[in-house]
PDB file of N, CA and C in Angstrom:
ATOM      1  N   GLN A   1      91.872  72.225  91.829  1.00  0.00           N
ATOM      2  CA  GLN A   1      92.756  73.323  91.491  1.00  0.00           C
ATOM      3  C   GLN A   1      92.623  74.423  92.540  1.00  0.00           C
ATOM      4  N   VAL A   2      93.754  75.005  92.866  1.00  0.00           N
ATOM      5  CA  VAL A   2      93.788  76.055  93.888  1.00  0.00           C
ATOM      6  C   VAL A   2      93.828  77.416  93.224  1.00  0.00           C
ATOM      7  N   GLN A   3      93.033  78.328  93.737  1.00  0.00           N
ATOM      8  CA  GLN A   3      93.048  79.714  93.277  1.00  0.00           C
ATOM      9  C   GLN A   3      93.648  80.600  94.356  1.00  0.00           C
ATOM     10  N   LEU A   4      94.420  81.577  93.906  1.00  0.00           N
ATOM     11  CA  LEU A   4      95.061  82.523  94.820  1.00  0.00           C
ATOM     12  C   LEU A   4      94.587  83.927  94.473  1.00  0.00           C
ATOM     13  N   VAL A   5      94.090  84.645  95.459  1.00  0.00           N
ATOM     14  CA  VAL A   5      93.577  85.992  95.219  1.00  0.00           C
ATOM     15  C   VAL A   5      94.296  86.952  96.155  1.00  0.00           C
ATOM     16  N   GLU A   6      95.013  87.902  95.529  1.00  0.00           N
ATOM     17  CA  GLU A   6      95.754  88.890  96.313  1.00  0.00           C
ATOM     18  C   GLU A   6      94.923  90.145  96.525  1.00  0.00           C
ATOM     19  N   SER A   7      95.250  90.872  97.563  1.00  0.00           N
ATOM     20  CA  SER A   7      94.655  92.181  97.805  1.00  0.00           C
ATOM     21  C   SER A   7      95.613  92.989  98.662  1.00  0.00           C
ATOM     22  N   GLY A   8      95.382  94.299  98.695  1.00  0.00           N
ATOM     23  CA  GLY A   8      96.148  95.157  99.581  1.00  0.00           C
ATOM     24  C   GLY A   8      97.183  96.041  98.930  1.00  0.00           C
ATOM     25  N   GLY A   9      97.366  95.928  97.624  1.00  0.00           N
ATOM     26  CA  GLY A   9      98.326  96.792  96.958  1.00  0.00           C
ATOM     27  C   GLY A   9      97.814  98.215  96.860  1.00  0.00           C
ATOM     28  N   GLY A  10      98.683  99.097  96.360  1.00  0.00           N
ATOM     29  CA  GLY A  10      98.281 100.484  96.189  1.00  0.00           C
ATOM     30  C   GLY A  10      99.471 101.404  96.119  1.00  0.00           C
ATOM     31  N   LEU A  11      99.168 102.683  96.264  1.00  0.00           N
ATOM     32  CA  LEU A  11     100.183 103.740  96.217  1.00  0.00           C
ATOM     33  C   LEU A  11     100.501 104.182  97.643  1.00  0.00           C
ATOM     34  N   VAL A  12     101.780 104.255  97.959  1.00  0.00           N
ATOM     35  CA  VAL A  12     102.203 104.672  99.293  1.00  0.00           C
ATOM     36  C   VAL A  12     103.443 105.529  99.177  1.00  0.00           C
ATOM     37  N   GLN A  13     103.616 106.447 100.095  1.00  0.00           N
ATOM     38  CA  GLN A  13     104.790 107.311 100.089  1.00  0.00           C
ATOM     39  C   GLN A  13     106.008 106.570 100.647  1.00  0.00           C
ATOM     40  N   PRO A  14     107.199 106.976 100.255  1.00  0.00           N
ATOM     41  CA  PRO A  14     108.404 106.369 100.828  1.00  0.00           C
ATOM     42  C   PRO A  14     108.377 106.435 102.350  1.00  0.00           C
ATOM     43  N   GLY A  15     108.774 105.327 102.961  1.00  0.00           N
ATOM     44  CA  GLY A  15     108.725 105.230 104.416  1.00  0.00           C
ATOM     45  C   GLY A  15     107.424 104.685 104.952  1.00  0.00           C
ATOM     46  N   GLY A  16     106.436 104.550 104.083  1.00  0.00           N
ATOM     47  CA  GLY A  16     105.128 104.070 104.503  1.00  0.00           C
ATOM     48  C   GLY A  16     105.046 102.557 104.567  1.00  0.00           C
ATOM     49  N   SER A  17     103.834 102.090 104.857  1.00  0.00           N
ATOM     50  CA  SER A  17     103.598 100.655 105.032  1.00  0.00           C
ATOM     51  C   SER A  17     102.380 100.212 104.243  1.00  0.00           C
ATOM     52  N   LEU A  18     102.393  98.932 103.873  1.00  0.00           N
ATOM     53  CA  LEU A  18     101.245  98.276 103.259  1.00  0.00           C
ATOM     54  C   LEU A  18     101.206  96.842 103.759  1.00  0.00           C
ATOM     55  N   ARG A  19     100.021  96.260 103.753  1.00  0.00           N
ATOM     56  CA  ARG A  19      99.887  94.840 104.055  1.00  0.00           C
ATOM     57  C   ARG A  19      99.157  94.159 102.909  1.00  0.00           C
ATOM     58  N   LEU A  20      99.812  93.186 102.332  1.00  0.00           N
ATOM     59  CA  LEU A  20      99.220  92.378 101.281  1.00  0.00           C
ATOM     60  C   LEU A  20      98.619  91.111 101.879  1.00  0.00           C
ATOM     61  N   SER A  21      97.534  90.664 101.258  1.00  0.00           N
ATOM     62  CA  SER A  21      96.900  89.407 101.655  1.00  0.00           C
ATOM     63  C   SER A  21      96.766  88.510 100.444  1.00  0.00           C
ATOM     64  N   CYS A  22      96.874  87.224 100.679  1.00  0.00           N
ATOM     65  CA  CYS A  22      96.662  86.237  99.616  1.00  0.00           C
ATOM     66  C   CYS A  22      95.815  85.113 100.182  1.00  0.00           C
ATOM     67  N   ALA A  23      94.619  84.981  99.650  1.00  0.00           N
ATOM     68  CA  ALA A  23      93.706  83.941 100.108  1.00  0.00           C
ATOM     69  C   ALA A  23      93.689  82.792  99.107  1.00  0.00           C
ATOM     70  N   ALA A  24      93.907  81.591  99.613  1.00  0.00           N
ATOM     71  CA  ALA A  24      93.886  80.400  98.770  1.00  0.00           C
ATOM     72  C   ALA A  24      92.545  79.695  98.919  1.00  0.00           C
ATOM     73  N   SER A  25      92.000  79.250  97.798  1.00  0.00           N
ATOM     74  CA  SER A  25      90.738  78.509  97.831  1.00  0.00           C
ATOM     75  C   SER A  25      90.846  77.291  96.936  1.00  0.00           C
ATOM     76  N   GLY A  26      90.005  76.301  97.228  1.00  0.00           N
ATOM     77  CA  GLY A  26      90.059  75.057  96.489  1.00  0.00           C
ATOM     78  C   GLY A  26      90.417  73.912  97.412  1.00  0.00           C
ATOM     79  N   THR A  27      90.923  72.853  96.828  1.00  0.00           N
ATOM     80  CA  THR A  27      91.299  71.677  97.621  1.00  0.00           C
ATOM     81  C   THR A  27      92.698  71.900  98.189  1.00  0.00           C
ATOM     82  N   ILE A  28      92.764  72.126  99.484  1.00  0.00           N
ATOM     83  CA  ILE A  28      94.034  72.442 100.136  1.00  0.00           C
ATOM     84  C   ILE A  28      94.253  71.467 101.275  1.00  0.00           C
ATOM     85  N   ARG A  29      95.280  70.631 101.133  1.00  0.00           N
ATOM     86  CA  ARG A  29      95.600  69.683 102.199  1.00  0.00           C
ATOM     87  C   ARG A  29      96.600  70.278 103.172  1.00  0.00           C
ATOM     88  N   ARG A  30      97.524  71.051 102.627  1.00  0.00           N
ATOM     89  CA  ARG A  30      98.448  71.785 103.482  1.00  0.00           C
ATOM     90  C   ARG A  30      98.736  73.127 102.811  1.00  0.00           C
ATOM     91  N   LEU A  31      98.828  74.167 103.592  1.00  0.00           N
ATOM     92  CA  LEU A  31      98.926  75.515 103.037  1.00  0.00           C
ATOM     93  C   LEU A  31     100.330  75.835 102.544  1.00  0.00           C
ATOM     94  N   TYR A  32     101.333  75.319 103.223  1.00  0.00           N
ATOM     95  CA  TYR A  32     102.709  75.726 102.917  1.00  0.00           C
ATOM     96  C   TYR A  32     103.452  74.635 102.144  1.00  0.00           C
ATOM     97  N   PRO A  33     104.448  75.063 101.355  1.00  0.00           N
ATOM     98  CA  PRO A  33     105.028  76.406 101.257  1.00  0.00           C
ATOM     99  C   PRO A  33     104.160  77.368 100.443  1.00  0.00           C
ATOM    100  N   MET A  34     104.231  78.619 100.829  1.00  0.00           N
ATOM    101  CA  MET A  34     103.437  79.670 100.200  1.00  0.00           C
ATOM    102  C   MET A  34     104.122  80.992 100.454  1.00  0.00           C
ATOM    103  N   GLY A  35     104.101  81.878  99.471  1.00  0.00           N
ATOM    104  CA  GLY A  35     104.809  83.121  99.682  1.00  0.00           C
ATOM    105  C   GLY A  35     104.559  84.158  98.617  1.00  0.00           C
ATOM    106  N   TRP A  36     105.493  85.079  98.510  1.00  0.00           N
ATOM    107  CA  TRP A  36     105.356  86.232  97.628  1.00  0.00           C
ATOM    108  C   TRP A  36     106.592  86.417  96.752  1.00  0.00           C
ATOM    109  N   TYR A  37     106.338  86.737  95.497  1.00  0.00           N
ATOM    110  CA  TYR A  37     107.348  87.176  94.552  1.00  0.00           C
ATOM    111  C   TYR A  37     106.958  88.570  94.091  1.00  0.00           C
ATOM    112  N   ARG A  38     107.898  89.230  93.430  1.00  0.00           N
ATOM    113  CA  ARG A  38     107.585  90.523  92.828  1.00  0.00           C
ATOM    114  C   ARG A  38     108.337  90.680  91.523  1.00  0.00           C
ATOM    115  N   GLN A  39     107.778  91.520  90.659  1.00  0.00           N
ATOM    116  CA  GLN A  39     108.408  91.812  89.376  1.00  0.00           C
ATOM    117  C   GLN A  39     108.295  93.288  89.094  1.00  0.00           C
ATOM    118  N   ALA A  40     109.446  93.937  89.030  1.00  0.00           N
ATOM    119  CA  ALA A  40     109.509  95.352  88.688  1.00  0.00           C
ATOM    120  C   ALA A  40     109.643  95.489  87.174  1.00  0.00           C
ATOM    121  N   PRO A  41     109.261  96.642  86.622  1.00  0.00           N
ATOM    122  CA  PRO A  41     109.364  96.829  85.167  1.00  0.00           C
ATOM    123  C   PRO A  41     110.781  96.576  84.666  1.00  0.00           C
ATOM    124  N   GLY A  42     110.897  95.748  83.637  1.00  0.00           N
ATOM    125  CA  GLY A  42     112.191  95.468  83.036  1.00  0.00           C
ATOM    126  C   GLY A  42     113.069  94.503  83.815  1.00  0.00           C
ATOM    127  N   LYS A  43     112.535  93.933  84.885  1.00  0.00           N
ATOM    128  CA  LYS A  43     113.317  93.026  85.712  1.00  0.00           C
ATOM    129  C   LYS A  43     112.637  91.663  85.795  1.00  0.00           C
ATOM    130  N   GLN A  44     113.427  90.678  86.205  1.00  0.00           N
ATOM    131  CA  GLN A  44     112.878  89.335  86.375  1.00  0.00           C
ATOM    132  C   GLN A  44     112.087  89.242  87.677  1.00  0.00           C
ATOM    133  N   ARG A  45     111.157  88.290  87.693  1.00  0.00           N
ATOM    134  CA  ARG A  45     110.415  88.042  88.908  1.00  0.00           C
ATOM    135  C   ARG A  45     111.373  87.487  89.963  1.00  0.00           C
ATOM    136  N   GLU A  46     111.255  87.993  91.190  1.00  0.00           N
ATOM    137  CA  GLU A  46     112.163  87.582  92.242  1.00  0.00           C
ATOM    138  C   GLU A  46     111.390  87.217  93.509  1.00  0.00           C
ATOM    139  N   LEU A  47     111.981  86.320  94.277  1.00  0.00           N
ATOM    140  CA  LEU A  47     111.390  85.934  95.549  1.00  0.00           C
ATOM    141  C   LEU A  47     111.472  87.096  96.536  1.00  0.00           C
ATOM    142  N   VAL A  48     110.375  87.313  97.244  1.00  0.00           N
ATOM    143  CA  VAL A  48     110.368  88.309  98.318  1.00  0.00           C
ATOM    144  C   VAL A  48     110.431  87.599  99.670  1.00  0.00           C
ATOM    145  N   ALA A  49     109.466  86.720  99.897  1.00  0.00           N
ATOM    146  CA  ALA A  49     109.399  86.017 101.185  1.00  0.00           C
ATOM    147  C   ALA A  49     108.541  84.776 101.010  1.00  0.00           C
ATOM    148  N   VAL A  50     108.856  83.759 101.799  1.00  0.00           N
ATOM    149  CA  VAL A  50     108.096  82.518 101.716  1.00  0.00           C
ATOM    150  C   VAL A  50     108.014  81.891 103.100  1.00  0.00           C
ATOM    151  N   ILE A  51     106.853  81.297 103.385  1.00  0.00           N
ATOM    152  CA  ILE A  51     106.720  80.436 104.552  1.00  0.00           C
ATOM    153  C   ILE A  51     106.936  79.020 104.043  1.00  0.00           C
ATOM    154  N   ILE A  52     107.981  78.388 104.530  1.00  0.00           N
ATOM    155  CA  ILE A  52     108.327  77.051 104.045  1.00  0.00           C
ATOM    156  C   ILE A  52     107.450  76.016 104.737  1.00  0.00           C
ATOM    157  N   SER A  53     107.350  76.119 106.026  1.00  0.00           N
ATOM    158  CA  SER A  53     106.459  75.264 106.801  1.00  0.00           C
ATOM    159  C   SER A  53     106.418  75.790 108.224  1.00  0.00           C
ATOM    160  N   GLY A  54     105.264  75.719 108.844  1.00  0.00           N
ATOM    161  CA  GLY A  54     105.147  76.162 110.224  1.00  0.00           C
ATOM    162  C   GLY A  54     105.765  77.520 110.450  1.00  0.00           C
ATOM    163  N   GLY A  55     106.789  77.582 111.304  1.00  0.00           N
ATOM    164  CA  GLY A  55     107.425  78.859 111.606  1.00  0.00           C
ATOM    165  C   GLY A  55     108.675  79.141 110.801  1.00  0.00           C
ATOM    166  N   ILE A  56     108.940  78.353 109.771  1.00  0.00           N
ATOM    167  CA  ILE A  56     110.160  78.529 108.976  1.00  0.00           C
ATOM    168  C   ILE A  56     109.867  79.453 107.807  1.00  0.00           C
ATOM    169  N   THR A  57     110.592  80.564 107.776  1.00  0.00           N
ATOM    170  CA  THR A  57     110.416  81.552 106.717  1.00  0.00           C
ATOM    171  C   THR A  57     111.746  81.860 106.055  1.00  0.00           C
ATOM    172  N   ASN A  58     111.656  82.426 104.854  1.00  0.00           N
ATOM    173  CA  ASN A  58     112.845  82.847 104.130  1.00  0.00           C
ATOM    174  C   ASN A  58     112.544  84.185 103.465  1.00  0.00           C
ATOM    175  N   TYR A  59     113.511  85.099 103.514  1.00  0.00           N
ATOM    176  CA  TYR A  59     113.334  86.431 102.962  1.00  0.00           C
ATOM    177  C   TYR A  59     114.463  86.772 102.005  1.00  0.00           C
ATOM    178  N   SER A  60     114.120  87.585 101.017  1.00  0.00           N
ATOM    179  CA  SER A  60     115.143  88.182 100.183  1.00  0.00           C
ATOM    180  C   SER A  60     115.974  89.141 101.036  1.00  0.00           C
ATOM    181  N   ASP A  61     117.256  89.237 100.756  1.00  0.00           N
ATOM    182  CA  ASP A  61     118.116  90.145 101.524  1.00  0.00           C
ATOM    183  C   ASP A  61     117.617  91.588 101.438  1.00  0.00           C
ATOM    184  N   SER A  62     116.998  91.948 100.330  1.00  0.00           N
ATOM    185  CA  SER A  62     116.578  93.333 100.117  1.00  0.00           C
ATOM    186  C   SER A  62     115.395  93.733 101.000  1.00  0.00           C
ATOM    187  N   VAL A  63     114.699  92.760 101.584  1.00  0.00           N
ATOM    188  CA  VAL A  63     113.524  93.101 102.396  1.00  0.00           C
ATOM    189  C   VAL A  63     113.676  92.674 103.854  1.00  0.00           C
ATOM    190  N   LYS A  64     114.742  91.968 104.170  1.00  0.00           N
ATOM    191  CA  LYS A  64     114.943  91.519 105.560  1.00  0.00           C
ATOM    192  C   LYS A  64     114.928  92.694 106.522  1.00  0.00           C
ATOM    193  N   GLY A  65     114.194  92.530 107.612  1.00  0.00           N
ATOM    194  CA  GLY A  65     114.094  93.585 108.613  1.00  0.00           C
ATOM    195  C   GLY A  65     113.017  94.609 108.329  1.00  0.00           C
ATOM    196  N   ARG A  66     112.463  94.578 107.115  1.00  0.00           N
ATOM    197  CA  ARG A  66     111.400  95.533 106.752  1.00  0.00           C
ATOM    198  C   ARG A  66     110.070  94.831 106.486  1.00  0.00           C
ATOM    199  N   PHE A  67     110.126  93.653 105.906  1.00  0.00           N
ATOM    200  CA  PHE A  67     108.919  92.905 105.542  1.00  0.00           C
ATOM    201  C   PHE A  67     108.762  91.713 106.485  1.00  0.00           C
ATOM    202  N   THR A  68     107.517  91.368 106.752  1.00  0.00           N
ATOM    203  CA  THR A  68     107.219  90.199 107.579  1.00  0.00           C
ATOM    204  C   THR A  68     106.121  89.382 106.926  1.00  0.00           C
ATOM    205  N   ILE A  69     106.396  88.103 106.719  1.00  0.00           N
ATOM    206  CA  ILE A  69     105.389  87.205 106.163  1.00  0.00           C
ATOM    207  C   ILE A  69     104.771  86.402 107.299  1.00  0.00           C
ATOM    208  N   SER A  70     103.462  86.199 107.201  1.00  0.00           N
ATOM    209  CA  SER A  70     102.769  85.408 108.217  1.00  0.00           C
ATOM    210  C   SER A  70     101.607  84.679 107.562  1.00  0.00           C
ATOM    211  N   GLY A  71     101.091  83.685 108.259  1.00  0.00           N
ATOM    212  CA  GLY A  71     100.004  82.913 107.686  1.00  0.00           C
ATOM    213  C   GLY A  71      98.924  82.612 108.702  1.00  0.00           C
ATOM    214  N   ASP A  72      97.726  82.408 108.189  1.00  0.00           N
ATOM    215  CA  ASP A  72      96.578  82.017 109.016  1.00  0.00           C
ATOM    216  C   ASP A  72      96.015  80.744 108.393  1.00  0.00           C
ATOM    217  N   ASN A  73      96.315  79.614 109.008  1.00  0.00           N
ATOM    218  CA  ASN A  73      95.875  78.335 108.456  1.00  0.00           C
ATOM    219  C   ASN A  73      94.355  78.225 108.414  1.00  0.00           C
ATOM    220  N   ALA A  74      93.693  78.784 109.396  1.00  0.00           N
ATOM    221  CA  ALA A  74      92.234  78.684 109.445  1.00  0.00           C
ATOM    222  C   ALA A  74      91.585  79.413 108.280  1.00  0.00           C
ATOM    223  N   LYS A  75      92.244  80.450 107.788  1.00  0.00           N
ATOM    224  CA  LYS A  75      91.701  81.236 106.678  1.00  0.00           C
ATOM    225  C   LYS A  75      92.374  80.926 105.363  1.00  0.00           C
ATOM    226  N   ASN A  76      93.339  79.987 105.365  1.00  0.00           N
ATOM    227  CA  ASN A  76      94.110  79.680 104.149  1.00  0.00           C
ATOM    228  C   ASN A  76      94.655  80.962 103.516  1.00  0.00           C
ATOM    229  N   THR A  77      95.195  81.822 104.347  1.00  0.00           N
ATOM    230  CA  THR A  77      95.641  83.137 103.896  1.00  0.00           C
ATOM    231  C   THR A  77      97.059  83.410 104.389  1.00  0.00           C
ATOM    232  N   VAL A  78      97.832  84.013 103.508  1.00  0.00           N
ATOM    233  CA  VAL A  78      99.171  84.470 103.846  1.00  0.00           C
ATOM    234  C   VAL A  78      99.215  85.982 103.691  1.00  0.00           C
ATOM    235  N   TYR A  79      99.941  86.616 104.594  1.00  0.00           N
ATOM    236  CA  TYR A  79     100.045  88.068 104.603  1.00  0.00           C
ATOM    237  C   TYR A  79     101.502  88.491 104.402  1.00  0.00           C
ATOM    238  N   LEU A  80     101.665  89.690 103.867  1.00  0.00           N
ATOM    239  CA  LEU A  80     102.980  90.285 103.766  1.00  0.00           C
ATOM    240  C   LEU A  80     102.884  91.711 104.301  1.00  0.00           C
ATOM    241  N   GLN A  81     103.424  91.919 105.489  1.00  0.00           N
ATOM    242  CA  GLN A  81     103.477  93.254 106.066  1.00  0.00           C
ATOM    243  C   GLN A  81     104.749  93.932 105.579  1.00  0.00           C
ATOM    244  N   MET A  82     104.585  95.047 104.907  1.00  0.00           N
ATOM    245  CA  MET A  82     105.718  95.754 104.318  1.00  0.00           C
ATOM    246  C   MET A  82     105.866  97.118 104.981  1.00  0.00           C
ATOM    247  N   ASN A  83     106.992  97.329 105.638  1.00  0.00           N
ATOM    248  CA  ASN A  83     107.272  98.588 106.316  1.00  0.00           C
ATOM    249  C   ASN A  83     108.493  99.264 105.689  1.00  0.00           C
ATOM    250  N   SER A  84     108.653 100.529 105.997  1.00  0.00           N
ATOM    251  CA  SER A  84     109.799 101.310 105.506  1.00  0.00           C
ATOM    252  C   SER A  84     109.973 101.144 103.998  1.00  0.00           C
ATOM    253  N   LEU A  85     108.883 101.292 103.291  1.00  0.00           N
ATOM    254  CA  LEU A  85     108.913 101.074 101.843  1.00  0.00           C
ATOM    255  C   LEU A  85     109.743 102.146 101.138  1.00  0.00           C
ATOM    256  N   THR A  86     110.423 101.731 100.081  1.00  0.00           N
ATOM    257  CA  THR A  86     111.216 102.631  99.248  1.00  0.00           C
ATOM    258  C   THR A  86     110.754 102.510  97.802  1.00  0.00           C
ATOM    259  N   PRO A  87     111.116 103.469  96.960  1.00  0.00           N
ATOM    260  CA  PRO A  87     110.735 103.362  95.545  1.00  0.00           C
ATOM    261  C   PRO A  87     111.225 102.065  94.893  1.00  0.00           C
ATOM    262  N   GLU A  88     112.307 101.511  95.407  1.00  0.00           N
ATOM    263  CA  GLU A  88     112.834 100.260  94.847  1.00  0.00           C
ATOM    264  C   GLU A  88     111.909  99.073  95.128  1.00  0.00           C
ATOM    265  N   ASP A  89     110.948  99.229  96.007  1.00  0.00           N
ATOM    266  CA  ASP A  89     109.969  98.168  96.277  1.00  0.00           C
ATOM    267  C   ASP A  89     108.805  98.191  95.295  1.00  0.00           C
ATOM    268  N   THR A  90     108.768  99.200  94.434  1.00  0.00           N
ATOM    269  CA  THR A  90     107.701  99.290  93.445  1.00  0.00           C
ATOM    270  C   THR A  90     107.748  98.108  92.498  1.00  0.00           C
ATOM    271  N   ALA A  91     106.634  97.394  92.404  1.00  0.00           N
ATOM    272  CA  ALA A  91     106.576  96.196  91.572  1.00  0.00           C
ATOM    273  C   ALA A  91     105.163  95.635  91.616  1.00  0.00           C
ATOM    274  N   VAL A  92     104.924  94.663  90.751  1.00  0.00           N
ATOM    275  CA  VAL A  92     103.724  93.838  90.884  1.00  0.00           C
ATOM    276  C   VAL A  92     104.089  92.684  91.805  1.00  0.00           C
ATOM    277  N   TYR A  93     103.318  92.502  92.833  1.00  0.00           N
ATOM    278  CA  TYR A  93     103.573  91.443  93.816  1.00  0.00           C
ATOM    279  C   TYR A  93     102.633  90.268  93.532  1.00  0.00           C
ATOM    280  N   TYR A  94     103.235  89.095  93.428  1.00  0.00           N
ATOM    281  CA  TYR A  94     102.492  87.892  93.100  1.00  0.00           C
ATOM    282  C   TYR A  94     102.530  86.908  94.273  1.00  0.00           C
ATOM    283  N   CYS A  95     101.379  86.360  94.558  1.00  0.00           N
ATOM    284  CA  CYS A  95     101.300  85.281  95.526  1.00  0.00           C
ATOM    285  C   CYS A  95     101.640  83.971  94.819  1.00  0.00           C
ATOM    286  N   TRP A  96     102.352  83.101  95.512  1.00  0.00           N
ATOM    287  CA  TRP A  96     102.770  81.811  94.956  1.00  0.00           C
ATOM    288  C   TRP A  96     102.482  80.712  95.956  1.00  0.00           C
ATOM    289  N   ARG A  97     102.015  79.572  95.422  1.00  0.00           N
ATOM    290  CA  ARG A  97     101.837  78.414  96.270  1.00  0.00           C
ATOM    291  C   ARG A  97     101.989  77.168  95.416  1.00  0.00           C
ATOM    292  N   MET A  98     103.060  76.457  95.635  1.00  0.00           N
ATOM    293  CA  MET A  98     103.304  75.147  95.025  1.00  0.00           C
ATOM    294  C   MET A  98     103.036  75.138  93.529  1.00  0.00           C
ATOM    295  N   GLY A  99     103.562  76.155  92.856  1.00  0.00           N
ATOM    296  CA  GLY A  99     103.436  76.193  91.404  1.00  0.00           C
ATOM    297  C   GLY A  99     102.262  76.994  90.896  1.00  0.00           C
ATOM    298  N   ASP A 100     101.354  77.368  91.768  1.00  0.00           N
ATOM    299  CA  ASP A 100     100.227  78.215  91.376  1.00  0.00           C
ATOM    300  C   ASP A 100     100.548  79.685  91.664  1.00  0.00           C
ATOM    301  N   TRP A 101      99.987  80.568  90.846  1.00  0.00           N
ATOM    302  CA  TRP A 101     100.236  82.004  90.978  1.00  0.00           C
ATOM    303  C   TRP A 101      98.929  82.765  91.068  1.00  0.00           C
ATOM    304  N   GLY A 102      98.960  83.858  91.831  1.00  0.00           N
ATOM    305  CA  GLY A 102      97.862  84.790  91.814  1.00  0.00           C
ATOM    306  C   GLY A 102      97.973  85.726  90.630  1.00  0.00           C
ATOM    307  N   GLN A 103      97.008  86.633  90.515  1.00  0.00           N
ATOM    308  CA  GLN A 103      96.972  87.538  89.362  1.00  0.00           C
ATOM    309  C   GLN A 103      97.914  88.721  89.535  1.00  0.00           C
ATOM    310  N   GLY A 104      98.376  88.950  90.743  1.00  0.00           N
ATOM    311  CA  GLY A 104      99.292  90.049  91.015  1.00  0.00           C
ATOM    312  C   GLY A 104      98.576  91.288  91.529  1.00  0.00           C
ATOM    313  N   THR A 105      99.270  92.031  92.360  1.00  0.00           N
ATOM    314  CA  THR A 105      98.749  93.293  92.872  1.00  0.00           C
ATOM    315  C   THR A 105      99.863  94.335  92.809  1.00  0.00           C
ATOM    316  N   GLN A 106      99.525  95.504  92.299  1.00  0.00           N
ATOM    317  CA  GLN A 106     100.528  96.558  92.088  1.00  0.00           C
ATOM    318  C   GLN A 106     100.824  97.283  93.397  1.00  0.00           C
ATOM    319  N   VAL A 107     102.100  97.432  93.671  1.00  0.00           N
ATOM    320  CA  VAL A 107     102.571  98.255  94.784  1.00  0.00           C
ATOM    321  C   VAL A 107     103.444  99.355  94.191  1.00  0.00           C
ATOM    322  N   THR A 108     103.075 100.590  94.454  1.00  0.00           N
ATOM    323  CA  THR A 108     103.825 101.737  93.960  1.00  0.00           C
ATOM    324  C   THR A 108     104.239 102.600  95.131  1.00  0.00           C
ATOM    325  N   VAL A 109     105.544 102.826  95.236  1.00  0.00           N
ATOM    326  CA  VAL A 109     106.085 103.662  96.317  1.00  0.00           C
ATOM    327  C   VAL A 109     106.613 104.937  95.677  1.00  0.00           C
ATOM    328  N   SER A 110     105.942 106.032  95.952  1.00  0.00           N
ATOM    329  CA  SER A 110     106.299 107.293  95.301  1.00  0.00           C
ATOM    330  C   SER A 110     105.765 108.453  96.108  1.00  0.00           C
ATOM    331  N   SER A 111     106.511 109.549  96.054  1.00  0.00           N
ATOM    332  CA  SER A 111     106.051 110.773  96.714  1.00  0.00           C
ATOM    333  C   SER A 111     105.291 111.659  95.728  1.00  0.00           C
TER     334      SER A 111
END
């Protein structure tokens, strides 16, 4: 069984940046696909970004040009660099990998 542990959430002002990390542990034959979802209060969980394989990525339209997903195979870790954050990015961010979920990390964008 694979465990996913997120880190890097917190409170940031509008226009600021955060970097989330998700470390996978357990029996891992291949790291991808792996990515991030988010869930804002009262809303459904939605895809933010995913690494499908190698250099192939997919982003939600709402974060394109602001967020960047990347991975480190040696560390079994995926990152989400979030820039130009807005209050609409406030949500719990969940790491996802092939049906497994992390516990979530809160991101709050507020002045």
